C-alpha atoms as a PDB file:
ATOM      1  CA  MET A   1      14.049  43.977 -20.823  1.00  0.00           C
ATOM      2  CA  GLN A   2      10.799  44.412 -19.264  1.00  0.00           C
ATOM      3  CA  SER A   3       8.035  42.228 -20.699  1.00  0.00           C
ATOM      4  CA  LYS A   4       4.623  41.145 -19.551  1.00  0.00           C
ATOM      5  CA  THR A   5       5.099  37.795 -21.093  1.00  0.00           C
ATOM      6  CA  ALA A   6       8.083  36.952 -19.567  1.00  0.00           C
ATOM      7  CA  THR A   7       8.379  33.085 -18.151  1.00  0.00           C
ATOM      8  CA  ILE A   8      10.476  30.965 -16.189  1.00  0.00           C
ATOM      9  CA  GLU A   9      11.998  30.041 -18.868  1.00  0.00           C
ATOM     10  CA  ASP A  10      13.669  33.863 -19.783  1.00  0.00           C
ATOM     11  CA  VAL A  11      14.383  34.084 -16.053  1.00  0.00           C
ATOM     12  CA  ALA A  12      16.610  30.770 -15.863  1.00  0.00           C
ATOM     13  CA  ARG A  13      17.937  31.712 -19.264  1.00  0.00           C
ATOM     14  CA  LEU A  14      19.311  34.908 -18.368  1.00  0.00           C
ATOM     15  CA  ALA A  15      20.252  33.916 -15.089  1.00  0.00           C
ATOM     16  CA  GLY A  16      21.876  31.046 -16.453  1.00  0.00           C
ATOM     17  CA  VAL A  17      20.368  28.103 -14.082  1.00  0.00           C
ATOM     18  CA  SER A  18      17.753  25.558 -14.496  1.00  0.00           C
ATOM     19  CA  ILE A  19      14.254  26.122 -14.124  1.00  0.00           C
ATOM     20  CA  ALA A  20      14.527  24.176 -11.366  1.00  0.00           C
ATOM     21  CA  THR A  21      16.728  26.264  -9.451  1.00  0.00           C
ATOM     22  CA  VAL A  22      14.638  29.137 -10.248  1.00  0.00           C
ATOM     23  CA  SER A  23      11.800  27.665  -8.450  1.00  0.00           C
ATOM     24  CA  ARG A  24      13.736  26.561  -5.409  1.00  0.00           C
ATOM     25  CA  ALA A  25      15.204  30.174  -5.432  1.00  0.00           C
ATOM     26  CA  LEU A  26      11.757  31.244  -5.303  1.00  0.00           C
ATOM     27  CA  HIS A  27      10.442  28.551  -2.764  1.00  0.00           C
ATOM     28  CA  HIS A  28      13.146  26.889  -0.647  1.00  0.00           C
ATOM     29  CA  PRO A  29      15.680  29.969  -0.517  1.00  0.00           C
ATOM     30  CA  ALA A  30      17.843  28.071   1.812  1.00  0.00           C
ATOM     31  CA  LYS A  31      18.474  25.554  -0.283  1.00  0.00           C
ATOM     32  CA  VAL A  32      20.048  27.855  -3.032  1.00  0.00           C
ATOM     33  CA  ALA A  33      23.883  29.554  -2.785  1.00  0.00           C
ATOM     34  CA  GLU A  34      23.450  33.101  -2.154  1.00  0.00           C
ATOM     35  CA  ALA A  35      25.426  33.953  -5.333  1.00  0.00           C
ATOM     36  CA  THR A  36      22.914  32.122  -7.215  1.00  0.00           C
ATOM     37  CA  ARG A  37      20.101  33.305  -5.423  1.00  0.00           C
ATOM     38  CA  LYS A  38      20.991  36.848  -6.381  1.00  0.00           C
ATOM     39  CA  LYS A  39      21.448  36.122  -9.682  1.00  0.00           C
ATOM     40  CA  VAL A  40      17.983  34.818  -9.861  1.00  0.00           C
ATOM     41  CA  LEU A  41      16.319  37.735  -8.092  1.00  0.00           C
ATOM     42  CA  ALA A  42      17.921  40.365 -10.877  1.00  0.00           C
ATOM     43  CA  ALA A  43      17.051  38.337 -13.544  1.00  0.00           C
ATOM     44  CA  ILE A  44      13.245  38.286 -12.378  1.00  0.00           C
ATOM     45  CA  ASP A  45      13.582  42.056 -11.729  1.00  0.00           C
ATOM     46  CA  SER A  46      15.276  42.576 -15.025  1.00  0.00           C
ATOM     47  CA  THR A  47      12.708  40.161 -16.806  1.00  0.00           C
ATOM     48  CA  GLY A  48       9.277  41.239 -14.808  1.00  0.00           C
ATOM     49  CA  PHE A  49       8.471  38.358 -14.516  1.00  0.00           C
ATOM     50  CA  THR A  50       6.258  37.360 -10.955  1.00  0.00           C
ATOM     51  CA  ALA A  51       6.405  34.281  -8.325  1.00  0.00           C
ATOM     52  CA  ASN A  52       2.655  34.440  -8.563  1.00  0.00           C
ATOM     53  CA  ALA A  53       2.784  33.886 -12.515  1.00  0.00           C
ATOM     54  CA  MET A  54       4.732  30.996 -12.101  1.00  0.00           C
ATOM     55  CA  ALA A  55       1.984  28.181 -12.750  1.00  0.00           C
ATOM     56  CA  GLN A  56       0.351  29.976 -15.519  1.00  0.00           C
ATOM     57  CA  SER A  57       3.587  30.121 -17.160  1.00  0.00           C
ATOM     58  CA  LEU A  58       3.943  26.827 -17.440  1.00  0.00           C
ATOM     59  CA  ARG A  59       0.759  24.947 -16.967  1.00  0.00           C
ATOM     60  CA  LEU A  60      -1.939  26.823 -18.958  1.00  0.00           C
ATOM     61  CA  LYS A  61      -4.701  24.619 -18.342  1.00  0.00           C
ATOM     62  CA  SER A  62      -3.717  24.384 -14.153  1.00  0.00           C
ATOM     63  CA  THR A  63      -6.280  23.740 -12.096  1.00  0.00           C
ATOM     64  CA  ARG A  64      -4.265  24.458  -8.663  1.00  0.00           C
ATOM     65  CA  MET A  65      -5.537  21.533  -6.885  1.00  0.00           C
ATOM     66  CA  ILE A  66      -3.758  18.512  -5.497  1.00  0.00           C
ATOM     67  CA  LEU A  67      -5.407  15.046  -4.532  1.00  0.00           C
ATOM     68  CA  ALA A  68      -3.946  13.503  -1.373  1.00  0.00           C
ATOM     69  CA  ILE A  69      -5.037   9.572  -1.361  1.00  0.00           C
ATOM     70  CA  VAL A  70      -5.292   8.465   2.081  1.00  0.00           C
ATOM     71  CA  PRO A  71      -5.751   4.945   2.863  1.00  0.00           C
ATOM     72  CA  ASP A  72      -7.595   5.018   6.230  1.00  0.00           C
ATOM     73  CA  ILE A  73      -8.664   8.920   7.384  1.00  0.00           C
ATOM     74  CA  GLY A  74      -9.598   7.930  10.712  1.00  0.00           C
ATOM     75  CA  ASN A  75      -6.057   6.636  11.033  1.00  0.00           C
ATOM     76  CA  THR A  76      -4.555   9.810  13.242  1.00  0.00           C
ATOM     77  CA  PHE A  77      -1.339   8.604  11.970  1.00  0.00           C
ATOM     78  CA  PHE A  78      -1.857  10.783   9.036  1.00  0.00           C
ATOM     79  CA  ALA A  79      -3.347  13.796  10.550  1.00  0.00           C
ATOM     80  CA  SER A  80      -0.109  15.406  10.871  1.00  0.00           C
ATOM     81  CA  ILE A  81       1.390  14.904   7.403  1.00  0.00           C
ATOM     82  CA  LEU A  82      -2.285  16.299   6.164  1.00  0.00           C
ATOM     83  CA  ARG A  83      -1.477  19.614   7.570  1.00  0.00           C
ATOM     84  CA  GLY A  84       1.642  19.680   6.325  1.00  0.00           C
ATOM     85  CA  LEU A  85       0.615  19.239   2.943  1.00  0.00           C
ATOM     86  CA  GLU A  86      -2.456  21.843   2.997  1.00  0.00           C
ATOM     87  CA  ALA A  87       0.081  24.409   4.794  1.00  0.00           C
ATOM     88  CA  VAL A  88       2.309  24.153   1.932  1.00  0.00           C
ATOM     89  CA  ALA A  89      -0.556  23.977  -0.803  1.00  0.00           C
ATOM     90  CA  GLN A  90      -1.815  27.077   0.479  1.00  0.00           C
ATOM     91  CA  ARG A  91       1.088  28.897   1.108  1.00  0.00           C
ATOM     92  CA  ARG A  92       2.039  28.440  -2.793  1.00  0.00           C
ATOM     93  CA  GLY A  93      -1.586  29.231  -3.995  1.00  0.00           C
ATOM     94  CA  TYR A  94      -2.836  25.295  -4.204  1.00  0.00           C
ATOM     95  CA  GLY A  95      -6.113  23.609  -2.601  1.00  0.00           C
ATOM     96  CA  LEU A  96      -5.890  19.684  -1.569  1.00  0.00           C
ATOM     97  CA  LEU A  97      -8.452  17.663  -1.595  1.00  0.00           C
ATOM     98  CA  ILE A  98      -8.297  14.318   0.128  1.00  0.00           C
ATOM     99  CA  GLY A  99      -9.440  10.685  -0.902  1.00  0.00           C
ATOM    100  CA  ASN A 100     -10.135   8.346   1.671  1.00  0.00           C
ATOM    101  CA  SER A 101      -9.649   4.903  -0.141  1.00  0.00           C
ATOM    102  CA  GLU A 102     -10.259   2.661   2.778  1.00  0.00           C
ATOM    103  CA  ASN A 103      -7.131   0.732   1.883  1.00  0.00           C
ATOM    104  CA  ASP A 104      -9.119  -0.687  -0.790  1.00  0.00           C
ATOM    105  CA  PRO A 105      -7.533  -0.858  -4.348  1.00  0.00           C
ATOM    106  CA  ALA A 106     -10.497  -0.408  -6.407  1.00  0.00           C
ATOM    107  CA  LEU A 107     -11.423   2.715  -4.948  1.00  0.00           C
ATOM    108  CA  GLU A 108      -8.275   4.209  -5.186  1.00  0.00           C
ATOM    109  CA  GLU A 109      -8.637   3.619  -8.920  1.00  0.00           C
ATOM    110  CA  THR A 110     -11.726   5.853  -9.159  1.00  0.00           C
ATOM    111  CA  TYR A 111      -9.520   8.870  -8.144  1.00  0.00           C
ATOM    112  CA  VAL A 112      -7.862   8.536 -11.194  1.00  0.00           C
ATOM    113  CA  SER A 113     -11.161  10.033 -13.075  1.00  0.00           C
ATOM    114  CA  TYR A 114     -10.356  13.251 -11.192  1.00  0.00           C
ATOM    115  CA  LEU A 115      -6.885  13.025 -13.615  1.00  0.00           C
ATOM    116  CA  ARG A 116      -8.823  12.071 -16.442  1.00  0.00           C
ATOM    117  CA  SER A 117     -11.147  15.046 -16.188  1.00  0.00           C
ATOM    118  CA  GLY A 118      -8.432  17.601 -15.463  1.00  0.00           C
ATOM    119  CA  LYS A 119      -9.858  18.275 -11.644  1.00  0.00           C
ATOM    120  CA  VAL A 120      -6.476  18.040 -10.175  1.00  0.00           C
ATOM    121  CA  ASP A 121      -2.990  18.585 -11.252  1.00  0.00           C
ATOM    122  CA  GLY A 122      -1.035  16.297  -9.066  1.00  0.00           C
ATOM    123  CA  LEU A 123      -1.276  13.133  -6.771  1.00  0.00           C
ATOM    124  CA  VAL A 124       0.177  12.589  -3.179  1.00  0.00           C
ATOM    125  CA  LEU A 125       0.103   8.812  -2.708  1.00  0.00           C
ATOM    126  CA  LEU A 126       0.198   7.720   0.790  1.00  0.00           C
ATOM    127  CA  SER A 127      -1.531   4.427   0.334  1.00  0.00           C
ATOM    128  CA  GLY A 128       1.895   2.351  -0.986  1.00  0.00           C
ATOM    129  CA  ARG A 129       0.078   1.742  -4.140  1.00  0.00           C
ATOM    130  CA  LEU A 130      -0.408   3.546  -7.270  1.00  0.00           C
ATOM    131  CA  PRO A 131      -4.168   3.859  -8.606  1.00  0.00           C
ATOM    132  CA  TRP A 132      -4.297   2.483 -11.284  1.00  0.00           C
ATOM    133  CA  PRO A 133      -4.496  -1.769 -11.967  1.00  0.00           C
ATOM    134  CA  ALA A 134      -1.207  -3.749 -12.563  1.00  0.00           C
ATOM    135  CA  GLY A 135      -0.208  -3.175 -16.347  1.00  0.00           C
ATOM    136  CA  SER A 136      -1.918  -0.094 -17.178  1.00  0.00           C
ATOM    137  CA  ILE A 137       0.018   3.019 -15.549  1.00  0.00           C
ATOM    138  CA  PRO A 138       0.070   5.280 -18.276  1.00  0.00           C
ATOM    139  CA  ALA A 139       2.780   6.104 -20.519  1.00  0.00           C
ATOM    140  CA  ASN A 140       3.138   9.651 -19.124  1.00  0.00           C
ATOM    141  CA  PRO A 141       2.040   9.266 -15.488  1.00  0.00           C
ATOM    142  CA  PRO A 142       0.729  12.418 -14.125  1.00  0.00           C
ATOM    143  CA  PRO A 143       3.089  14.625 -11.309  1.00  0.00           C
ATOM    144  CA  MET A 144       2.851  12.618  -8.356  1.00  0.00           C
ATOM    145  CA  ILE A 145       4.916  11.753  -5.082  1.00  0.00           C
ATOM    146  CA  SER A 146       5.116   8.682  -2.947  1.00  0.00           C
ATOM    147  CA  VAL A 147       4.948   9.894   0.973  1.00  0.00           C
ATOM    148  CA  CYS A 148       5.953   7.221   4.036  1.00  0.00           C
ATOM    149  CA  GLU A 149       5.494   4.185   2.010  1.00  0.00           C
ATOM    150  CA  GLU A 150       7.858   3.937  -0.958  1.00  0.00           C
ATOM    151  CA  ILE A 151       6.491   2.856  -4.247  1.00  0.00           C
ATOM    152  CA  GLU A 152       9.028   0.688  -6.332  1.00  0.00           C
ATOM    153  CA  MET A 153       8.224   3.176  -9.703  1.00  0.00           C
ATOM    154  CA  PRO A 154      11.322   4.482 -11.820  1.00  0.00           C
ATOM    155  CA  GLY A 155      11.553   8.392 -11.609  1.00  0.00           C
ATOM    156  CA  LEU A 156       8.657   8.392  -8.623  1.00  0.00           C
ATOM    157  CA  PRO A 157      10.109  10.703  -6.011  1.00  0.00           C
ATOM    158  CA  PHE A 158       9.514   9.754  -2.592  1.00  0.00           C
ATOM    159  CA  ILE A 159       9.698  11.502   1.028  1.00  0.00           C
ATOM    160  CA  GLY A 160       9.722   9.436   4.363  1.00  0.00           C
ATOM    161  CA  ILE A 161      11.907   8.289   6.848  1.00  0.00           C
ATOM    162  CA  ASP A 162      14.474   4.625   6.537  1.00  0.00           C
ATOM    163  CA  ASN A 163      12.313   2.377   7.990  1.00  0.00           C
ATOM    164  CA  MET A 164      14.678  -0.430   8.483  1.00  0.00           C
ATOM    165  CA  ALA A 165      17.128   1.896  10.904  1.00  0.00           C
ATOM    166  CA  ALA A 166      14.388   3.078  12.185  1.00  0.00           C
ATOM    167  CA  ALA A 167      12.753   0.200  13.848  1.00  0.00           C
ATOM    168  CA  ARG A 168      16.483  -1.025  14.391  1.00  0.00           C
ATOM    169  CA  LEU A 169      17.016   1.958  16.521  1.00  0.00           C
ATOM    170  CA  ALA A 170      13.498   0.561  18.593  1.00  0.00           C
ATOM    171  CA  VAL A 171      14.793  -2.658  19.050  1.00  0.00           C
ATOM    172  CA  GLU A 172      18.181  -1.773  20.233  1.00  0.00           C
ATOM    173  CA  HIS A 173      16.333  -0.002  23.261  1.00  0.00           C
ATOM    174  CA  LEU A 174      14.550  -2.499  24.561  1.00  0.00           C
ATOM    175  CA  ILE A 175      17.473  -4.899  24.428  1.00  0.00           C
ATOM    176  CA  SER A 176      19.645  -2.005  26.312  1.00  0.00           C
ATOM    177  CA  ALA A 177      17.203  -2.425  28.831  1.00  0.00           C
ATOM    178  CA  GLY A 178      17.897  -6.154  29.118  1.00  0.00           C
ATOM    179  CA  HIS A 179      15.295  -7.903  26.836  1.00  0.00           C
ATOM    180  CA  ARG A 180      16.043 -10.451  24.868  1.00  0.00           C
ATOM    181  CA  ARG A 181      12.592 -12.265  23.919  1.00  0.00           C
ATOM    182  CA  ILE A 182      10.908  -9.358  21.792  1.00  0.00           C
ATOM    183  CA  ALA A 183       7.875  -9.834  19.870  1.00  0.00           C
ATOM    184  CA  TYR A 184       7.300  -7.995  16.676  1.00  0.00           C
ATOM    185  CA  VAL A 185       3.452  -7.006  16.291  1.00  0.00           C
ATOM    186  CA  ALA A 186       4.041  -6.587  12.196  1.00  0.00           C
ATOM    187  CA  GLY A 187       1.303  -4.704   9.512  1.00  0.00           C
ATOM    188  CA  PRO A 188      -0.007  -5.937   6.700  1.00  0.00           C
ATOM    189  CA  GLU A 189       1.690  -8.705   5.464  1.00  0.00           C
ATOM    190  CA  ARG A 190       2.310  -7.215   1.851  1.00  0.00           C
ATOM    191  CA  ASN A 191       2.939  -3.908   2.954  1.00  0.00           C
ATOM    192  CA  ILE A 192       6.967  -2.255   2.499  1.00  0.00           C
ATOM    193  CA  LEU A 193       6.384  -1.054   5.983  1.00  0.00           C
ATOM    194  CA  THR A 194       6.237  -4.491   7.502  1.00  0.00           C
ATOM    195  CA  ARG A 195       9.313  -5.698   5.459  1.00  0.00           C
ATOM    196  CA  GLN A 196      11.123  -2.931   6.130  1.00  0.00           C
ATOM    197  CA  ARG A 197      10.968  -2.780  10.238  1.00  0.00           C
ATOM    198  CA  GLU A 198      10.869  -6.402  10.314  1.00  0.00           C
ATOM    199  CA  GLU A 199      13.905  -6.411   8.883  1.00  0.00           C
ATOM    200  CA  GLY A 200      14.998  -3.511  11.357  1.00  0.00           C
ATOM    201  CA  TYR A 201      13.929  -6.000  14.347  1.00  0.00           C
ATOM    202  CA  ALA A 202      16.167  -8.803  13.020  1.00  0.00           C
ATOM    203  CA  VAL A 203      19.011  -6.794  12.548  1.00  0.00           C
ATOM    204  CA  ALA A 204      19.011  -5.535  15.644  1.00  0.00           C
ATOM    205  CA  LEU A 205      18.479  -9.183  17.444  1.00  0.00           C
ATOM    206  CA  ALA A 206      21.493 -10.157  15.128  1.00  0.00           C
ATOM    207  CA  ALA A 207      23.781  -7.676  16.040  1.00  0.00           C
ATOM    208  CA  ALA A 208      23.221  -8.410  19.520  1.00  0.00           C
ATOM    209  CA  GLY A 209      23.917 -12.387  19.077  1.00  0.00           C
ATOM    210  CA  ILE A 210      19.713 -12.909  19.919  1.00  0.00           C
ATOM    211  CA  PRO A 211      18.417 -15.467  17.568  1.00  0.00           C
ATOM    212  CA  LEU A 212      15.238 -14.716  15.702  1.00  0.00           C
ATOM    213  CA  ASP A 213      12.613 -16.681  17.035  1.00  0.00           C
ATOM    214  CA  PRO A 214       9.251 -17.219  14.829  1.00  0.00           C
ATOM    215  CA  THR A 215       7.340 -17.497  17.487  1.00  0.00           C
ATOM    216  CA  LEU A 216       7.550 -13.991  18.558  1.00  0.00           C
ATOM    217  CA  LEU A 217       6.833 -12.901  14.910  1.00  0.00           C
ATOM    218  CA  LEU A 218       2.822 -11.803  15.394  1.00  0.00           C
ATOM    219  CA  PRO A 219       0.538 -10.839  12.840  1.00  0.00           C
ATOM    220  CA  GLY A 220      -1.151  -7.357  12.921  1.00  0.00           C
ATOM    221  CA  ASP A 221      -2.808  -4.719  10.698  1.00  0.00           C
ATOM    222  CA  PHE A 222      -1.944  -1.461  12.492  1.00  0.00           C
ATOM    223  CA  SER A 223      -5.345  -1.102  14.688  1.00  0.00           C
ATOM    224  CA  ILE A 224      -5.987  -1.532  18.850  1.00  0.00           C
ATOM    225  CA  GLU A 225      -7.903  -4.721  17.687  1.00  0.00           C
ATOM    226  CA  SER A 226      -4.811  -6.559  16.361  1.00  0.00           C
ATOM    227  CA  GLY A 227      -2.524  -5.302  19.091  1.00  0.00           C
ATOM    228  CA  ILE A 228      -5.058  -6.982  21.688  1.00  0.00           C
ATOM    229  CA  ARG A 229      -4.986 -10.070  19.854  1.00  0.00           C
ATOM    230  CA  ALA A 230      -1.251 -10.271  19.644  1.00  0.00           C
ATOM    231  CA  ALA A 231      -0.885  -9.664  23.753  1.00  0.00           C
ATOM    232  CA  ALA A 232      -3.814 -12.177  24.146  1.00  0.00           C
ATOM    233  CA  SER A 233      -1.541 -14.682  21.683  1.00  0.00           C
ATOM    234  CA  MET A 234       1.165 -14.772  24.892  1.00  0.00           C
ATOM    235  CA  ASP A 235      -1.386 -17.621  26.230  1.00  0.00           C
ATOM    236  CA  GLY A 236      -0.203 -20.328  24.013  1.00  0.00           C
ATOM    237  CA  MET A 237       3.269 -19.574  24.549  1.00  0.00           C
ATOM    238  CA  LYS A 238       5.806 -21.572  26.952  1.00  0.00           C
ATOM    239  CA  ASP A 239       8.538 -18.781  26.876  1.00  0.00           C
ATOM    240  CA  PRO A 240       6.696 -15.269  26.351  1.00  0.00           C
ATOM    241  CA  PRO A 241       8.340 -12.148  25.191  1.00  0.00           C
ATOM    242  CA  THR A 242       9.576  -9.531  28.283  1.00  0.00           C
ATOM    243  CA  ALA A 243       8.804  -6.891  25.516  1.00  0.00           C
ATOM    244  CA  PHE A 244       6.465  -6.200  22.469  1.00  0.00           C
ATOM    245  CA  PHE A 245       8.062  -3.930  19.417  1.00  0.00           C
ATOM    246  CA  CYS A 246       4.262  -2.893  17.520  1.00  0.00           C
ATOM    247  CA  ILE A 247       5.230  -0.991  14.536  1.00  0.00           C
ATOM    248  CA  SER A 248       2.557   1.035  14.931  1.00  0.00           C
ATOM    249  CA  ASP A 249       1.068   3.119  17.768  1.00  0.00           C
ATOM    250  CA  GLU A 250      -2.282   2.311  17.811  1.00  0.00           C
ATOM    251  CA  MET A 251      -1.206  -1.719  17.756  1.00  0.00           C
ATOM    252  CA  ALA A 252       0.926  -0.928  20.765  1.00  0.00           C
ATOM    253  CA  ILE A 253      -1.807   0.819  22.446  1.00  0.00           C
ATOM    254  CA  GLY A 254      -4.072  -2.177  22.360  1.00  0.00           C
ATOM    255  CA  VAL A 255      -1.064  -4.633  23.954  1.00  0.00           C
ATOM    256  CA  ILE A 256      -0.987  -2.055  26.727  1.00  0.00           C
ATOM    257  CA  MET A 257      -4.781  -2.589  27.183  1.00  0.00           C
ATOM    258  CA  GLU A 258      -4.827  -6.178  26.761  1.00  0.00           C
ATOM    259  CA  LEU A 259      -1.488  -6.633  29.083  1.00  0.00           C
ATOM    260  CA  THR A 260      -3.438  -4.509  31.517  1.00  0.00           C
ATOM    261  CA  ARG A 261      -6.572  -6.307  31.484  1.00  0.00           C
ATOM    262  CA  ARG A 262      -4.787  -9.612  32.033  1.00  0.00           C
ATOM    263  CA  GLY A 263      -2.990  -7.747  35.516  1.00  0.00           C
ATOM    264  CA  LEU A 264       0.366  -7.696  34.098  1.00  0.00           C
ATOM    265  CA  LYS A 265       1.988  -4.402  34.828  1.00  0.00           C
ATOM    266  CA  VAL A 266       4.036  -2.291  32.234  1.00  0.00           C
ATOM    267  CA  PRO A 267       6.760  -2.156  32.000  1.00  0.00           C
ATOM    268  CA  GLU A 268       7.519  -4.320  35.283  1.00  0.00           C
ATOM    269  CA  ASP A 269       6.217  -7.341  33.525  1.00  0.00           C
ATOM    270  CA  VAL A 270       6.438  -6.375  30.012  1.00  0.00           C
ATOM    271  CA  ALA A 271       7.615  -3.390  27.990  1.00  0.00           C
ATOM    272  CA  VAL A 272       5.789  -1.992  25.138  1.00  0.00           C
ATOM    273  CA  MET A 273       7.486  -0.006  22.307  1.00  0.00           C
ATOM    274  CA  GLY A 274       5.241   1.792  19.817  1.00  0.00           C
ATOM    275  CA  PHE A 275       6.348   3.350  16.563  1.00  0.00           C
ATOM    276  CA  ASP A 276       4.674   7.087  14.664  1.00  0.00           C
ATOM    277  CA  ASP A 277       4.458   9.175  17.836  1.00  0.00           C
ATOM    278  CA  ILE A 278       1.014   9.742  17.215  1.00  0.00           C
ATOM    279  CA  GLN A 279      -1.175  12.563  19.977  1.00  0.00           C
ATOM    280  CA  PHE A 280      -2.569   9.316  21.743  1.00  0.00           C
ATOM    281  CA  SER A 281       0.837   7.761  22.625  1.00  0.00           C
ATOM    282  CA  SER A 282       1.380  10.115  25.366  1.00  0.00           C
ATOM    283  CA  CYS A 283      -1.611   9.928  26.943  1.00  0.00           C
ATOM    284  CA  THR A 284      -1.684   5.837  27.913  1.00  0.00           C
ATOM    285  CA  ASN A 285      -0.931   4.570  30.829  1.00  0.00           C
ATOM    286  CA  PRO A 286       1.694   4.462  31.089  1.00  0.00           C
ATOM    287  CA  PRO A 287       2.767   6.726  28.622  1.00  0.00           C
ATOM    288  CA  LEU A 288       4.140   5.044  25.287  1.00  0.00           C
ATOM    289  CA  THR A 289       7.888   4.861  24.039  1.00  0.00           C
ATOM    290  CA  THR A 290       7.898   5.129  20.457  1.00  0.00           C
ATOM    291  CA  VAL A 291       9.656   6.300  17.345  1.00  0.00           C
ATOM    292  CA  ARG A 292       8.940   9.769  16.768  1.00  0.00           C
ATOM    293  CA  GLN A 293       8.370  10.547  12.821  1.00  0.00           C
ATOM    294  CA  PRO A 294       8.904  14.160  11.704  1.00  0.00           C
ATOM    295  CA  ARG A 295       5.357  13.626  10.471  1.00  0.00           C
ATOM    296  CA  ARG A 296       4.314  17.397   9.798  1.00  0.00           C
ATOM    297  CA  GLU A 297       7.960  18.123   8.176  1.00  0.00           C
ATOM    298  CA  ILE A 298       6.808  15.152   5.746  1.00  0.00           C
ATOM    299  CA  GLY A 299       3.859  16.612   4.420  1.00  0.00           C
ATOM    300  CA  GLU A 300       5.484  19.846   4.097  1.00  0.00           C
ATOM    301  CA  GLU A 301       8.520  18.373   2.215  1.00  0.00           C
ATOM    302  CA  ALA A 302       6.518  15.901   0.147  1.00  0.00           C
ATOM    303  CA  MET A 303       4.432  19.324  -0.975  1.00  0.00           C
ATOM    304  CA  GLY A 304       7.322  21.485  -1.762  1.00  0.00           C
ATOM    305  CA  VAL A 305       8.738  18.425  -4.128  1.00  0.00           C
ATOM    306  CA  LEU A 306       5.566  17.799  -6.169  1.00  0.00           C
ATOM    307  CA  LEU A 307       4.785  21.362  -6.399  1.00  0.00           C
ATOM    308  CA  ASP A 308       8.102  21.566  -7.926  1.00  0.00           C
ATOM    309  CA  LEU A 309       7.469  19.114 -10.637  1.00  0.00           C
ATOM    310  CA  ILE A 310       4.073  19.940 -11.253  1.00  0.00           C
ATOM    311  CA  GLU A 311       5.707  23.821 -11.902  1.00  0.00           C
ATOM    312  CA  THR A 312       9.251  22.608 -13.238  1.00  0.00           C
ATOM    313  CA  GLY A 313       8.752  19.721 -14.767  1.00  0.00           C
ATOM    314  CA  THR A 314      11.897  18.434 -12.691  1.00  0.00           C
ATOM    315  CA  PRO A 315      11.358  17.544  -8.849  1.00  0.00           C
ATOM    316  CA  PRO A 316      14.601  18.828  -6.692  1.00  0.00           C
ATOM    317  CA  SER A 317      15.276  15.399  -5.800  1.00  0.00           C
ATOM    318  CA  LEU A 318      13.749  12.412  -6.357  1.00  0.00           C
ATOM    319  CA  ARG A 319      14.509  10.585  -2.811  1.00  0.00           C
ATOM    320  CA  ARG A 320      14.481  12.259   0.728  1.00  0.00           C
ATOM    321  CA  VAL A 321      14.868  10.604   4.101  1.00  0.00           C
ATOM    322  CA  LEU A 322      13.819  12.594   7.210  1.00  0.00           C
ATOM    323  CA  PRO A 323      15.008  11.933  10.716  1.00  0.00           C
ATOM    324  CA  VAL A 324      13.517   9.809  13.676  1.00  0.00           C
ATOM    325  CA  GLU A 325      13.713  10.042  17.407  1.00  0.00           C
ATOM    326  CA  ILE A 326      13.409   7.491  19.984  1.00  0.00           C
ATOM    327  CA  VAL A 327      10.902   8.981  22.599  1.00  0.00           C
ATOM    328  CA  VAL A 328      11.256   7.279  25.787  1.00  0.00           C
ATOM    329  CA  ARG A 329       8.421   7.093  28.356  1.00  0.00           C
ATOM    330  CA  GLY A 330       7.057   4.882  31.131  1.00  0.00           C
ATOM    331  CA  SER A 331       6.239   1.899  28.935  1.00  0.00           C
ATOM    332  CA  THR A 332       9.701   0.476  28.949  1.00  0.00           C
ATOM    333  CA  GLY A 333      10.981   2.557  31.606  1.00  0.00           C
ATOM    334  CA  MET A 334      12.099  -0.430  33.724  1.00  0.00           C
ATOM    335  CA  PRO A 335      14.577  -2.748  32.937  1.00  0.00           C
ATOM    336  CA  ALA A 336      13.556  -6.389  31.777  1.00  0.00           C
ATOM    337  CA  LYS A 337      13.440  -9.149  34.745  1.00  0.00           C
ATOM    338  CA  ALA A 338      15.802 -11.769  34.469  1.00  0.00           C
ATOM    339  CA  ARG A 339      13.780 -14.761  32.940  1.00  0.00           C
END
């Protein structure tokens, strides 16, 4: 059945599987049963179909370019994710464009023009928002995936972590060291990560029988400067915290800087916990205890799912949650002082 115009549909029909299974057998063979993979490979040999022809057979107008919308290109958190995205894109014959939205929804909307003009085949959304004004989402949106910050939209794939569970683990680590006055340094108020991680914080306190003190809920915006402000807020507290749980490493770095400036020792006087395990978290003084997100793996998984969606019309799964790890370093290395 040799044919120069064989399509992925021909392969799927001959193998007796779905188009999505053919795609997985080609690009993620470890995720396909050996017997199924052999049937797909036999069908490929029989039809003369080649993996390099996949995109052309499915999307004749494909540009083989993907756009990743990043809220802040200066935030080191995104570097490893972008490397993971690019690695898989290149491996599968795609290019990656990066749009820095500077956390501006209006700027994000301008990137819709890339789609209208046919310059890209799909979107990776790291901003936690859709790039359309409220109420104007197209009836047939382009292939896209939300990464790290889940967007509430039916059928939109998501790759990231369980932020509530990860925050609970972080707070439990501080509680296990004897801390009961634990400050929570939040992200932007409307950010879904802020809500999810605050829920994990509250659940951990409740499980340990520790009342939640609203005065220990401190505002932040993921920046070093907001961490500095959070630590400075101890001035007005009658019963200051013995530990800070910051939902980003940059804020935790700011907290350590301000505590040190005030002559307080970390962790002997105040412990500090971060979140993300960015490159600089091991370079602070003392090194930062943090929640490690598998950021490169998140990027790799996200690009794989998006390209499967582009090439087959069906993602292999709509939601993937990757595991986290508590990385214990010096900033929480001592037990809490008796208060």
